[in-house]
Amino acid sequence: MAPGPDLDLAFAALGDPVRRALVTRLARSDATVGELAEPFDLTPQAISHHVGVLRRCGLVEQRREGTRRPCRLRADQLSLLSTWIDDQRRAWDDRLDALEQHLRDEGAAR
């Protein structure tokens, strides 16, 4: 498994409302596919497919506990997405601050 999530795959995975809901649910506690399927009008197979997408992009992992296979959110990987978003926000804030300063300086020069 890669050390971090593939940003393109992760953001594409999170573009689906069901997968976002699964991530939100898994943020509270681990759950099996059957438990994850309960609030949805979807089959466990459909939920399993969504979990597979989240697993492939590195945001969720499954482990064996006897006959159970609970899913767990990899919050550390989710935080890497948050870091990327924060970096983008800072870059744009810096650009907008520079533009604002430029416009103020240009207005003062007139």
N, C-alpha and C. Protein backbone atom coordinates (compact mmCIF):
# COMPACT_ATOMS: atom_id res chain seq x y z
N MET A 1 0.84 -1.19 0.00
CA MET A 1 0.00 0.00 0.00
C MET A 1 0.88 1.24 0.00
N ALA A 2 0.46 2.24 -0.72
CA ALA A 2 1.21 3.48 -0.79
C ALA A 2 1.22 4.16 0.58
N PRO A 3 2.24 4.98 0.87
CA PRO A 3 2.33 5.62 2.17
C PRO A 3 1.23 6.65 2.41
N GLY A 4 0.65 7.19 1.38
CA GLY A 4 -0.41 8.17 1.53
C GLY A 4 -1.48 7.97 0.48
N PRO A 5 -2.59 8.67 0.64
CA PRO A 5 -3.65 8.50 -0.36
C PRO A 5 -3.26 9.14 -1.68
N ASP A 6 -3.76 8.56 -2.75
CA ASP A 6 -3.63 9.19 -4.05
C ASP A 6 -4.68 10.30 -4.06
N LEU A 7 -4.24 11.55 -4.14
CA LEU A 7 -5.17 12.68 -4.02
C LEU A 7 -6.29 12.61 -5.05
N ASP A 8 -5.96 12.28 -6.30
CA ASP A 8 -6.99 12.22 -7.33
C ASP A 8 -8.03 11.16 -6.98
N LEU A 9 -7.55 9.97 -6.60
CA LEU A 9 -8.49 8.89 -6.25
C LEU A 9 -9.29 9.24 -5.01
N ALA A 10 -8.64 9.83 -4.02
CA ALA A 10 -9.33 10.16 -2.77
C ALA A 10 -10.41 11.21 -3.01
N PHE A 11 -10.07 12.28 -3.73
CA PHE A 11 -11.08 13.31 -3.97
C PHE A 11 -12.20 12.78 -4.87
N ALA A 12 -11.87 11.93 -5.83
CA ALA A 12 -12.91 11.33 -6.66
C ALA A 12 -13.81 10.44 -5.81
N ALA A 13 -13.21 9.68 -4.91
CA ALA A 13 -14.00 8.82 -4.02
C ALA A 13 -14.93 9.65 -3.15
N LEU A 14 -14.44 10.76 -2.63
CA LEU A 14 -15.24 11.60 -1.76
C LEU A 14 -16.25 12.45 -2.52
N GLY A 15 -16.21 12.40 -3.83
CA GLY A 15 -17.20 13.09 -4.64
C GLY A 15 -18.56 12.42 -4.60
N ASP A 16 -18.61 11.20 -4.11
CA ASP A 16 -19.87 10.45 -4.03
C ASP A 16 -20.49 10.65 -2.65
N PRO A 17 -21.77 11.03 -2.58
CA PRO A 17 -22.40 11.29 -1.27
C PRO A 17 -22.47 10.05 -0.37
N VAL A 18 -22.63 8.87 -0.94
CA VAL A 18 -22.67 7.66 -0.11
C VAL A 18 -21.31 7.45 0.55
N ARG A 19 -20.24 7.63 -0.22
CA ARG A 19 -18.91 7.43 0.35
C ARG A 19 -18.59 8.49 1.39
N ARG A 20 -19.03 9.73 1.17
CA ARG A 20 -18.83 10.76 2.21
C ARG A 20 -19.58 10.38 3.47
N ALA A 21 -20.78 9.84 3.33
CA ALA A 21 -21.56 9.40 4.50
C ALA A 21 -20.86 8.24 5.20
N LEU A 22 -20.25 7.34 4.44
CA LEU A 22 -19.52 6.23 5.05
C LEU A 22 -18.32 6.74 5.83
N VAL A 23 -17.61 7.70 5.27
CA VAL A 23 -16.46 8.29 5.98
C VAL A 23 -16.94 8.97 7.27
N THR A 24 -18.04 9.69 7.19
CA THR A 24 -18.59 10.34 8.38
C THR A 24 -18.96 9.31 9.43
N ARG A 25 -19.59 8.22 9.01
CA ARG A 25 -19.97 7.16 9.96
C ARG A 25 -18.74 6.50 10.56
N LEU A 26 -17.74 6.22 9.74
CA LEU A 26 -16.53 5.56 10.24
C LEU A 26 -15.69 6.48 11.12
N ALA A 27 -15.90 7.78 11.02
CA ALA A 27 -15.19 8.72 11.91
C ALA A 27 -15.65 8.53 13.35
N ARG A 28 -16.87 8.03 13.53
CA ARG A 28 -17.40 7.78 14.89
C ARG A 28 -16.84 6.49 15.47
N SER A 29 -16.82 5.42 14.66
CA SER A 29 -16.32 4.13 15.14
C SER A 29 -16.22 3.16 13.97
N ASP A 30 -15.46 2.09 14.19
CA ASP A 30 -15.34 1.03 13.19
C ASP A 30 -16.70 0.38 12.98
N ALA A 31 -16.91 -0.20 11.80
CA ALA A 31 -18.18 -0.86 11.50
C ALA A 31 -17.97 -1.88 10.39
N THR A 32 -18.80 -2.91 10.40
CA THR A 32 -18.79 -3.89 9.32
C THR A 32 -19.59 -3.33 8.14
N VAL A 33 -19.47 -3.96 7.00
CA VAL A 33 -20.24 -3.54 5.82
C VAL A 33 -21.73 -3.62 6.13
N GLY A 34 -22.15 -4.68 6.81
CA GLY A 34 -23.56 -4.81 7.18
C GLY A 34 -24.03 -3.66 8.05
N GLU A 35 -23.22 -3.27 9.01
CA GLU A 35 -23.57 -2.14 9.87
C GLU A 35 -23.58 -0.84 9.08
N LEU A 36 -22.64 -0.69 8.16
CA LEU A 36 -22.61 0.51 7.34
C LEU A 36 -23.82 0.60 6.42
N ALA A 37 -24.33 -0.55 5.99
CA ALA A 37 -25.45 -0.59 5.04
C ALA A 37 -26.79 -0.24 5.70
N GLU A 38 -26.89 -0.40 7.03
CA GLU A 38 -28.18 -0.24 7.71
C GLU A 38 -28.94 1.04 7.38
N PRO A 39 -28.33 2.22 7.42
CA PRO A 39 -29.13 3.44 7.17
C PRO A 39 -29.43 3.71 5.70
N PHE A 40 -28.86 2.92 4.81
CA PHE A 40 -29.02 3.17 3.38
C PHE A 40 -30.05 2.24 2.76
N ASP A 41 -30.64 2.69 1.68
CA ASP A 41 -31.52 1.84 0.89
C ASP A 41 -30.68 1.19 -0.21
N LEU A 42 -29.56 0.58 0.24
CA LEU A 42 -28.63 -0.08 -0.67
C LEU A 42 -28.32 -1.46 -0.13
N THR A 43 -27.94 -2.34 -1.00
CA THR A 43 -27.58 -3.69 -0.56
C THR A 43 -26.20 -3.66 0.09
N PRO A 44 -25.92 -4.65 0.94
CA PRO A 44 -24.56 -4.75 1.48
C PRO A 44 -23.51 -4.86 0.38
N GLN A 45 -23.87 -5.48 -0.75
CA GLN A 45 -22.93 -5.58 -1.86
C GLN A 45 -22.59 -4.20 -2.43
N ALA A 46 -23.60 -3.36 -2.53
CA ALA A 46 -23.35 -2.00 -3.03
C ALA A 46 -22.47 -1.23 -2.05
N ILE A 47 -22.74 -1.36 -0.77
CA ILE A 47 -21.92 -0.69 0.25
C ILE A 47 -20.50 -1.25 0.20
N SER A 48 -20.39 -2.56 0.01
CA SER A 48 -19.08 -3.19 -0.09
C SER A 48 -18.28 -2.60 -1.26
N HIS A 49 -18.96 -2.33 -2.37
CA HIS A 49 -18.30 -1.68 -3.51
C HIS A 49 -17.78 -0.31 -3.11
N HIS A 50 -18.60 0.49 -2.42
CA HIS A 50 -18.18 1.82 -1.97
C HIS A 50 -17.00 1.72 -1.01
N VAL A 51 -17.04 0.76 -0.10
CA VAL A 51 -15.93 0.55 0.82
C VAL A 51 -14.67 0.19 0.03
N GLY A 52 -14.82 -0.61 -1.01
CA GLY A 52 -13.67 -0.97 -1.84
C GLY A 52 -13.03 0.24 -2.48
N VAL A 53 -13.85 1.16 -2.95
CA VAL A 53 -13.31 2.40 -3.54
C VAL A 53 -12.53 3.17 -2.48
N LEU A 54 -13.09 3.27 -1.27
CA LEU A 54 -12.41 3.98 -0.19
C LEU A 54 -11.13 3.26 0.24
N ARG A 55 -11.14 1.94 0.16
CA ARG A 55 -9.93 1.17 0.49
C ARG A 55 -8.85 1.41 -0.55
N ARG A 56 -9.22 1.36 -1.82
CA ARG A 56 -8.23 1.52 -2.89
C ARG A 56 -7.55 2.89 -2.86
N CYS A 57 -8.25 3.90 -2.40
CA CYS A 57 -7.63 5.23 -2.35
C CYS A 57 -6.94 5.47 -1.01
N GLY A 58 -6.99 4.49 -0.10
CA GLY A 58 -6.23 4.57 1.14
C GLY A 58 -6.93 5.21 2.32
N LEU A 59 -8.22 5.52 2.19
CA LEU A 59 -8.93 6.18 3.28
C LEU A 59 -9.56 5.22 4.29
N VAL A 60 -9.75 3.98 3.88
CA VAL A 60 -10.39 2.98 4.75
C VAL A 60 -9.57 1.70 4.69
N GLU A 61 -9.53 0.99 5.80
CA GLU A 61 -8.92 -0.33 5.81
C GLU A 61 -9.88 -1.31 6.48
N GLN A 62 -9.76 -2.58 6.11
CA GLN A 62 -10.56 -3.64 6.72
C GLN A 62 -9.61 -4.64 7.34
N ARG A 63 -10.06 -5.22 8.45
CA ARG A 63 -9.26 -6.25 9.10
C ARG A 63 -10.17 -7.42 9.44
N ARG A 64 -9.58 -8.56 9.71
CA ARG A 64 -10.35 -9.74 10.11
C ARG A 64 -10.36 -9.85 11.62
N GLU A 65 -11.54 -10.08 12.14
CA GLU A 65 -11.73 -10.38 13.56
C GLU A 65 -12.64 -11.60 13.62
N GLY A 66 -12.06 -12.77 13.51
CA GLY A 66 -12.87 -13.98 13.42
C GLY A 66 -13.63 -13.96 12.11
N THR A 67 -14.96 -13.99 12.21
CA THR A 67 -15.79 -13.96 11.00
C THR A 67 -16.17 -12.53 10.60
N ARG A 68 -15.87 -11.57 11.45
CA ARG A 68 -16.18 -10.17 11.16
C ARG A 68 -15.04 -9.52 10.38
N ARG A 69 -15.40 -8.54 9.56
CA ARG A 69 -14.39 -7.76 8.84
C ARG A 69 -14.71 -6.28 9.00
N PRO A 70 -14.41 -5.75 10.18
CA PRO A 70 -14.72 -4.33 10.40
C PRO A 70 -13.87 -3.40 9.54
N CYS A 71 -14.48 -2.30 9.19
CA CYS A 71 -13.82 -1.25 8.43
C CYS A 71 -13.39 -0.16 9.41
N ARG A 72 -12.26 0.46 9.11
CA ARG A 72 -11.76 1.53 9.96
C ARG A 72 -11.31 2.68 9.08
N LEU A 73 -11.68 3.87 9.47
CA LEU A 73 -11.25 5.07 8.76
C LEU A 73 -9.78 5.31 9.07
N ARG A 74 -9.01 5.58 8.06
CA ARG A 74 -7.60 5.93 8.26
C ARG A 74 -7.53 7.44 8.36
N ALA A 75 -7.79 7.94 9.57
CA ALA A 75 -7.85 9.38 9.81
C ALA A 75 -6.53 10.06 9.44
N ASP A 76 -5.42 9.34 9.62
CA ASP A 76 -4.12 9.92 9.25
C ASP A 76 -4.08 10.23 7.76
N GLN A 77 -4.68 9.37 6.95
CA GLN A 77 -4.71 9.61 5.51
C GLN A 77 -5.68 10.74 5.17
N LEU A 78 -6.79 10.80 5.89
CA LEU A 78 -7.74 11.88 5.68
C LEU A 78 -7.10 13.22 6.03
N SER A 79 -6.25 13.23 7.05
CA SER A 79 -5.60 14.48 7.43
C SER A 79 -4.62 14.94 6.34
N LEU A 80 -4.09 14.01 5.54
CA LEU A 80 -3.23 14.42 4.43
C LEU A 80 -4.02 15.22 3.39
N LEU A 81 -5.28 14.83 3.19
CA LEU A 81 -6.15 15.60 2.28
C LEU A 81 -6.40 16.98 2.86
N SER A 82 -6.65 17.02 4.15
CA SER A 82 -6.88 18.30 4.83
C SER A 82 -5.66 19.20 4.72
N THR A 83 -4.48 18.62 4.87
CA THR A 83 -3.23 19.39 4.73
C THR A 83 -3.13 19.98 3.34
N TRP A 84 -3.45 19.19 2.31
CA TRP A 84 -3.38 19.69 0.95
C TRP A 84 -4.36 20.86 0.76
N ILE A 85 -5.57 20.70 1.29
CA ILE A 85 -6.58 21.77 1.19
C ILE A 85 -6.09 23.02 1.92
N ASP A 86 -5.55 22.84 3.11
CA ASP A 86 -5.03 23.98 3.88
C ASP A 86 -3.90 24.68 3.13
N ASP A 87 -3.01 23.92 2.50
CA ASP A 87 -1.92 24.51 1.72
C ASP A 87 -2.48 25.35 0.57
N GLN A 88 -3.51 24.83 -0.10
CA GLN A 88 -4.13 25.58 -1.20
C GLN A 88 -4.80 26.84 -0.68
N ARG A 89 -5.48 26.73 0.45
CA ARG A 89 -6.15 27.89 1.03
C ARG A 89 -5.12 28.97 1.39
N ARG A 90 -4.01 28.57 1.99
CA ARG A 90 -2.96 29.54 2.35
C ARG A 90 -2.39 30.21 1.11
N ALA A 91 -2.15 29.42 0.09
CA ALA A 91 -1.59 29.99 -1.15
C ALA A 91 -2.54 31.03 -1.74
N TRP A 92 -3.83 30.72 -1.77
CA TRP A 92 -4.80 31.66 -2.32
C TRP A 92 -4.98 32.87 -1.42
N ASP A 93 -4.95 32.66 -0.11
CA ASP A 93 -5.02 33.80 0.81
C ASP A 93 -3.84 34.73 0.59
N ASP A 94 -2.64 34.16 0.41
CA ASP A 94 -1.44 34.98 0.15
C ASP A 94 -1.60 35.75 -1.15
N ARG A 95 -2.11 35.10 -2.19
CA ARG A 95 -2.29 35.77 -3.48
C ARG A 95 -3.30 36.91 -3.37
N LEU A 96 -4.39 36.64 -2.67
CA LEU A 96 -5.41 37.68 -2.53
C LEU A 96 -4.92 38.83 -1.67
N ASP A 97 -4.13 38.53 -0.63
CA ASP A 97 -3.54 39.59 0.18
C ASP A 97 -2.59 40.44 -0.65
N ALA A 98 -1.79 39.79 -1.50
CA ALA A 98 -0.86 40.52 -2.37
C ALA A 98 -1.63 41.40 -3.36
N LEU A 99 -2.72 40.88 -3.91
CA LEU A 99 -3.53 41.67 -4.82
C LEU A 99 -4.14 42.86 -4.10
N GLU A 100 -4.66 42.63 -2.92
CA GLU A 100 -5.26 43.71 -2.14
C GLU A 100 -4.22 44.80 -1.85
N GLN A 101 -3.01 44.39 -1.47
CA GLN A 101 -1.94 45.36 -1.20
C GLN A 101 -1.57 46.11 -2.46
N HIS A 102 -1.48 45.40 -3.57
CA HIS A 102 -1.17 46.03 -4.86
C HIS A 102 -2.22 47.08 -5.22
N LEU A 103 -3.48 46.73 -5.05
CA LEU A 103 -4.56 47.68 -5.37
C LEU A 103 -4.53 48.88 -4.44
N ARG A 104 -4.21 48.67 -3.15
CA ARG A 104 -4.09 49.79 -2.21
C ARG A 104 -2.92 50.70 -2.60
N ASP A 105 -1.77 50.08 -2.92
CA ASP A 105 -0.60 50.87 -3.30
C ASP A 105 -0.86 51.65 -4.57
N GLU A 106 -1.54 51.02 -5.53
CA GLU A 106 -1.84 51.69 -6.78
C GLU A 106 -2.83 52.84 -6.56
N GLY A 107 -3.79 52.64 -5.66
CA GLY A 107 -4.76 53.69 -5.35
C GLY A 107 -4.09 54.84 -4.62
N ALA A 108 -3.13 54.56 -3.76
CA ALA A 108 -2.44 55.61 -3.02
C ALA A 108 -1.53 56.42 -3.94
N ALA A 109 -1.04 55.80 -4.99
CA ALA A 109 -0.14 56.48 -5.92
C ALA A 109 -0.88 57.44 -6.82
N ARG A 110 -2.17 57.34 -6.88
CA ARG A 110 -2.95 58.20 -7.80
C ARG A 110 -3.25 59.52 -7.19
